[in-house]
């Protein structure tokens, strides 16, 4: 019975997490569209990208470090994003 309760709690947490990240993804898409096409907000795109880059990279570093996968941060996609950040910012 305890395993079932734990599995149910884990399932609820996972569902809540999936919903949260879905809403966050839709919000991200809306902000990118507004920053790309709205003339008054075009200047905000580099700031938004920079903020998002550092938040996501810090999260990825902590997550990978905890799992001992931190060498995956040397992958080409991270170098490419850093190059885009250097050009955008």
N, C-alpha and C. Protein backbone atom coordinates (compact mmCIF):
# COMPACT_ATOMS: atom_id res chain seq x y z
N UNK A 1 0.83 -1.19 0.00
CA UNK A 1 0.00 0.00 0.00
C UNK A 1 0.88 1.25 0.00
N UNK A 2 2.01 1.18 0.68
CA UNK A 2 2.89 2.35 0.74
C UNK A 2 3.51 2.62 -0.62
N UNK A 3 3.84 1.56 -1.35
CA UNK A 3 4.40 1.74 -2.69
C UNK A 3 3.40 2.40 -3.63
N UNK A 4 2.15 2.01 -3.51
CA UNK A 4 1.11 2.58 -4.35
C UNK A 4 0.93 4.06 -4.04
N UNK A 5 0.96 4.43 -2.77
CA UNK A 5 0.82 5.84 -2.38
C UNK A 5 2.02 6.64 -2.88
N UNK A 6 3.20 6.06 -2.79
CA UNK A 6 4.39 6.75 -3.28
C UNK A 6 4.33 6.92 -4.79
N UNK A 7 3.90 5.88 -5.48
CA UNK A 7 3.79 5.96 -6.94
C UNK A 7 2.73 6.98 -7.34
N UNK A 8 1.65 7.04 -6.60
CA UNK A 8 0.59 8.00 -6.90
C UNK A 8 1.08 9.43 -6.68
N UNK A 9 1.83 9.64 -5.59
CA UNK A 9 2.39 10.97 -5.31
C UNK A 9 3.39 11.36 -6.39
N UNK A 10 4.23 10.41 -6.78
CA UNK A 10 5.22 10.67 -7.83
C UNK A 10 4.51 10.99 -9.15
N UNK A 11 3.44 10.27 -9.45
CA UNK A 11 2.68 10.50 -10.67
C UNK A 11 2.04 11.89 -10.67
N UNK A 12 1.50 12.31 -9.54
CA UNK A 12 0.90 13.65 -9.44
C UNK A 12 1.96 14.73 -9.60
N UNK A 13 3.10 14.52 -8.97
CA UNK A 13 4.20 15.48 -9.10
C UNK A 13 4.64 15.58 -10.55
N UNK A 14 4.75 14.46 -11.22
CA UNK A 14 5.19 14.45 -12.61
C UNK A 14 4.17 15.15 -13.51
N UNK A 15 2.90 14.92 -13.26
CA UNK A 15 1.86 15.57 -14.05
C UNK A 15 1.88 17.08 -13.82
N UNK A 16 2.03 17.49 -12.58
CA UNK A 16 2.10 18.91 -12.27
C UNK A 16 3.33 19.55 -12.90
N UNK A 17 4.46 18.86 -12.86
CA UNK A 17 5.69 19.35 -13.47
C UNK A 17 5.54 19.48 -14.98
N UNK A 18 4.92 18.49 -15.62
CA UNK A 18 4.70 18.54 -17.06
C UNK A 18 3.79 19.70 -17.45
N UNK A 19 2.75 19.93 -16.68
CA UNK A 19 1.86 21.05 -16.95
C UNK A 19 2.58 22.38 -16.79
N UNK A 20 3.38 22.49 -15.74
CA UNK A 20 4.12 23.73 -15.50
C UNK A 20 5.06 24.03 -16.66
N UNK A 21 5.80 23.03 -17.11
CA UNK A 21 6.76 23.27 -18.19
C UNK A 21 6.07 23.48 -19.53
N UNK A 22 4.89 22.91 -19.72
CA UNK A 22 4.12 23.19 -20.93
C UNK A 22 3.70 24.66 -20.95
N UNK A 23 3.16 25.14 -19.83
CA UNK A 23 2.77 26.55 -19.74
C UNK A 23 3.98 27.45 -19.92
N UNK A 24 5.11 27.08 -19.32
CA UNK A 24 6.33 27.86 -19.48
C UNK A 24 6.79 27.88 -20.94
N UNK A 25 6.67 26.78 -21.64
CA UNK A 25 7.03 26.72 -23.05
C UNK A 25 6.13 27.58 -23.92
N UNK A 26 4.84 27.57 -23.65
CA UNK A 26 3.91 28.42 -24.39
C UNK A 26 4.20 29.89 -24.10
N UNK A 27 4.49 30.22 -22.84
CA UNK A 27 4.86 31.58 -22.48
C UNK A 27 6.12 32.01 -23.23
N UNK A 28 7.10 31.13 -23.28
CA UNK A 28 8.34 31.42 -23.99
C UNK A 28 8.07 31.69 -25.47
N UNK A 29 7.23 30.89 -26.09
CA UNK A 29 6.88 31.09 -27.49
C UNK A 29 6.20 32.43 -27.70
N UNK A 30 5.28 32.78 -26.82
CA UNK A 30 4.58 34.06 -26.93
C UNK A 30 5.54 35.23 -26.78
N UNK A 31 6.45 35.15 -25.82
CA UNK A 31 7.42 36.23 -25.62
C UNK A 31 8.33 36.36 -26.84
N UNK A 32 8.76 35.24 -27.40
CA UNK A 32 9.62 35.30 -28.58
C UNK A 32 8.90 35.90 -29.78
N UNK A 33 7.64 35.56 -29.96
CA UNK A 33 6.87 36.12 -31.07
C UNK A 33 6.69 37.61 -30.88
N UNK A 34 6.35 38.02 -29.67
CA UNK A 34 6.16 39.44 -29.39
C UNK A 34 7.48 40.20 -29.58
N UNK A 35 8.57 39.65 -29.08
CA UNK A 35 9.87 40.32 -29.22
C UNK A 35 10.35 40.35 -30.67
N UNK A 36 9.91 39.39 -31.46
CA UNK A 36 10.36 39.34 -32.85
C UNK A 36 9.57 40.24 -33.77
N UNK A 37 8.27 40.38 -33.53
CA UNK A 37 7.42 41.07 -34.49
C UNK A 37 6.87 42.41 -34.01
N UNK A 38 6.89 42.65 -32.74
CA UNK A 38 6.38 43.92 -32.21
C UNK A 38 7.50 44.96 -32.27
N UNK A 39 7.31 46.05 -32.99
CA UNK A 39 8.39 47.04 -33.14
C UNK A 39 8.87 47.63 -31.81
N UNK A 40 7.97 47.81 -30.86
CA UNK A 40 8.38 48.39 -29.58
C UNK A 40 9.17 47.42 -28.70
N UNK A 41 9.02 46.14 -28.96
CA UNK A 41 9.66 45.14 -28.10
C UNK A 41 10.89 44.51 -28.74
N UNK A 42 11.25 44.91 -29.95
CA UNK A 42 12.40 44.28 -30.62
C UNK A 42 13.70 44.43 -29.86
N UNK A 43 13.86 45.53 -29.15
CA UNK A 43 15.08 45.74 -28.39
C UNK A 43 15.20 44.85 -27.17
N UNK A 44 14.11 44.18 -26.79
CA UNK A 44 14.13 43.32 -25.61
C UNK A 44 14.63 41.91 -25.90
N UNK A 45 14.66 41.53 -27.16
CA UNK A 45 15.05 40.16 -27.51
C UNK A 45 16.46 39.78 -27.03
N UNK A 46 17.48 40.62 -27.21
CA UNK A 46 18.81 40.23 -26.69
C UNK A 46 18.83 40.06 -25.17
N UNK A 47 18.09 40.90 -24.46
CA UNK A 47 18.04 40.79 -23.00
C UNK A 47 17.32 39.51 -22.58
N UNK A 48 16.23 39.21 -23.28
CA UNK A 48 15.47 37.99 -22.97
C UNK A 48 16.32 36.75 -23.25
N UNK A 49 17.00 36.75 -24.40
CA UNK A 49 17.83 35.60 -24.75
C UNK A 49 18.97 35.43 -23.75
N UNK A 50 19.59 36.53 -23.34
CA UNK A 50 20.69 36.46 -22.39
C UNK A 50 20.22 35.93 -21.04
N UNK A 51 19.11 36.44 -20.56
CA UNK A 51 18.56 35.96 -19.29
C UNK A 51 18.22 34.47 -19.36
N UNK A 52 17.54 34.09 -20.43
CA UNK A 52 17.15 32.69 -20.59
C UNK A 52 18.38 31.78 -20.72
N UNK A 53 19.39 32.24 -21.43
CA UNK A 53 20.61 31.47 -21.61
C UNK A 53 21.27 31.15 -20.27
N UNK A 54 21.45 32.19 -19.44
CA UNK A 54 22.15 31.97 -18.17
C UNK A 54 21.32 31.15 -17.19
N UNK A 55 20.02 31.35 -17.17
CA UNK A 55 19.16 30.57 -16.28
C UNK A 55 19.18 29.10 -16.68
N UNK A 56 19.00 28.82 -17.97
CA UNK A 56 18.97 27.44 -18.42
C UNK A 56 20.34 26.77 -18.32
N UNK A 57 21.40 27.50 -18.60
CA UNK A 57 22.73 26.92 -18.50
C UNK A 57 23.08 26.61 -17.04
N UNK A 58 22.72 27.49 -16.13
CA UNK A 58 22.97 27.22 -14.71
C UNK A 58 22.17 26.01 -14.24
N UNK A 59 20.94 25.92 -14.68
CA UNK A 59 20.12 24.75 -14.31
C UNK A 59 20.73 23.47 -14.88
N UNK A 60 21.15 23.54 -16.12
CA UNK A 60 21.75 22.36 -16.75
C UNK A 60 23.05 21.97 -16.06
N UNK A 61 23.86 22.96 -15.66
CA UNK A 61 25.11 22.68 -14.99
C UNK A 61 24.86 21.97 -13.65
N UNK A 62 23.90 22.47 -12.89
CA UNK A 62 23.59 21.85 -11.59
C UNK A 62 23.06 20.43 -11.80
N UNK A 63 22.16 20.28 -12.76
CA UNK A 63 21.58 18.97 -13.02
C UNK A 63 22.64 17.99 -13.50
N UNK A 64 23.46 18.40 -14.45
CA UNK A 64 24.50 17.51 -14.97
C UNK A 64 25.56 17.21 -13.93
N UNK A 65 25.91 18.19 -13.13
CA UNK A 65 26.94 17.98 -12.11
C UNK A 65 26.47 16.94 -11.09
N UNK A 66 25.19 17.04 -10.71
CA UNK A 66 24.64 16.10 -9.75
C UNK A 66 24.65 14.67 -10.28
N UNK A 67 24.44 14.52 -11.60
CA UNK A 67 24.42 13.19 -12.21
C UNK A 67 25.79 12.77 -12.75
N UNK A 68 26.78 13.65 -12.56
CA UNK A 68 28.15 13.42 -13.04
C UNK A 68 28.20 13.32 -14.57
N UNK A 69 27.39 14.15 -15.23
CA UNK A 69 27.38 14.25 -16.68
C UNK A 69 27.92 15.61 -17.13
N UNK A 70 28.65 16.30 -16.28
CA UNK A 70 29.04 17.68 -16.56
C UNK A 70 29.90 17.82 -17.81
N UNK A 71 30.54 16.77 -18.26
CA UNK A 71 31.34 16.87 -19.49
C UNK A 71 30.47 17.01 -20.73
N UNK A 72 29.17 16.70 -20.61
CA UNK A 72 28.26 16.92 -21.73
C UNK A 72 28.10 18.41 -22.03
N UNK A 73 28.48 19.27 -21.09
CA UNK A 73 28.41 20.71 -21.32
C UNK A 73 29.45 21.16 -22.35
N UNK A 74 30.36 20.30 -22.73
CA UNK A 74 31.34 20.62 -23.77
C UNK A 74 30.81 20.29 -25.16
N UNK A 75 29.56 19.91 -25.27
CA UNK A 75 28.95 19.58 -26.55
C UNK A 75 28.88 20.82 -27.45
N UNK A 76 28.80 20.58 -28.74
CA UNK A 76 28.81 21.67 -29.72
C UNK A 76 27.64 22.62 -29.53
N UNK A 77 26.47 22.12 -29.13
CA UNK A 77 25.30 23.00 -29.04
C UNK A 77 25.50 24.09 -27.99
N UNK A 78 26.22 23.79 -26.92
CA UNK A 78 26.47 24.81 -25.90
C UNK A 78 27.46 25.85 -26.42
N UNK A 79 28.46 25.42 -27.18
CA UNK A 79 29.40 26.36 -27.78
C UNK A 79 28.69 27.24 -28.80
N UNK A 80 27.80 26.65 -29.57
CA UNK A 80 27.05 27.41 -30.57
C UNK A 80 26.15 28.44 -29.89
N UNK A 81 25.47 28.06 -28.83
CA UNK A 81 24.63 29.01 -28.11
C UNK A 81 25.45 30.13 -27.48
N UNK A 82 26.64 29.80 -27.02
CA UNK A 82 27.53 30.83 -26.48
C UNK A 82 27.95 31.79 -27.59
N UNK A 83 28.21 31.27 -28.78
CA UNK A 83 28.54 32.14 -29.90
C UNK A 83 27.38 33.04 -30.30
N UNK A 84 26.17 32.49 -30.29
CA UNK A 84 24.98 33.30 -30.58
C UNK A 84 24.83 34.39 -29.53
N UNK A 85 25.08 34.04 -28.28
CA UNK A 85 24.99 35.03 -27.20
C UNK A 85 26.02 36.14 -27.40
N UNK A 86 27.22 35.78 -27.85
CA UNK A 86 28.25 36.79 -28.09
C UNK A 86 27.86 37.73 -29.22
N UNK A 87 27.16 37.23 -30.22
CA UNK A 87 26.73 38.06 -31.34
C UNK A 87 25.51 38.90 -30.96
N UNK A 88 24.58 38.31 -30.24
CA UNK A 88 23.34 39.01 -29.89
C UNK A 88 23.56 40.07 -28.84
N UNK A 89 24.36 39.76 -27.85
CA UNK A 89 24.53 40.68 -26.72
C UNK A 89 25.51 41.76 -26.98
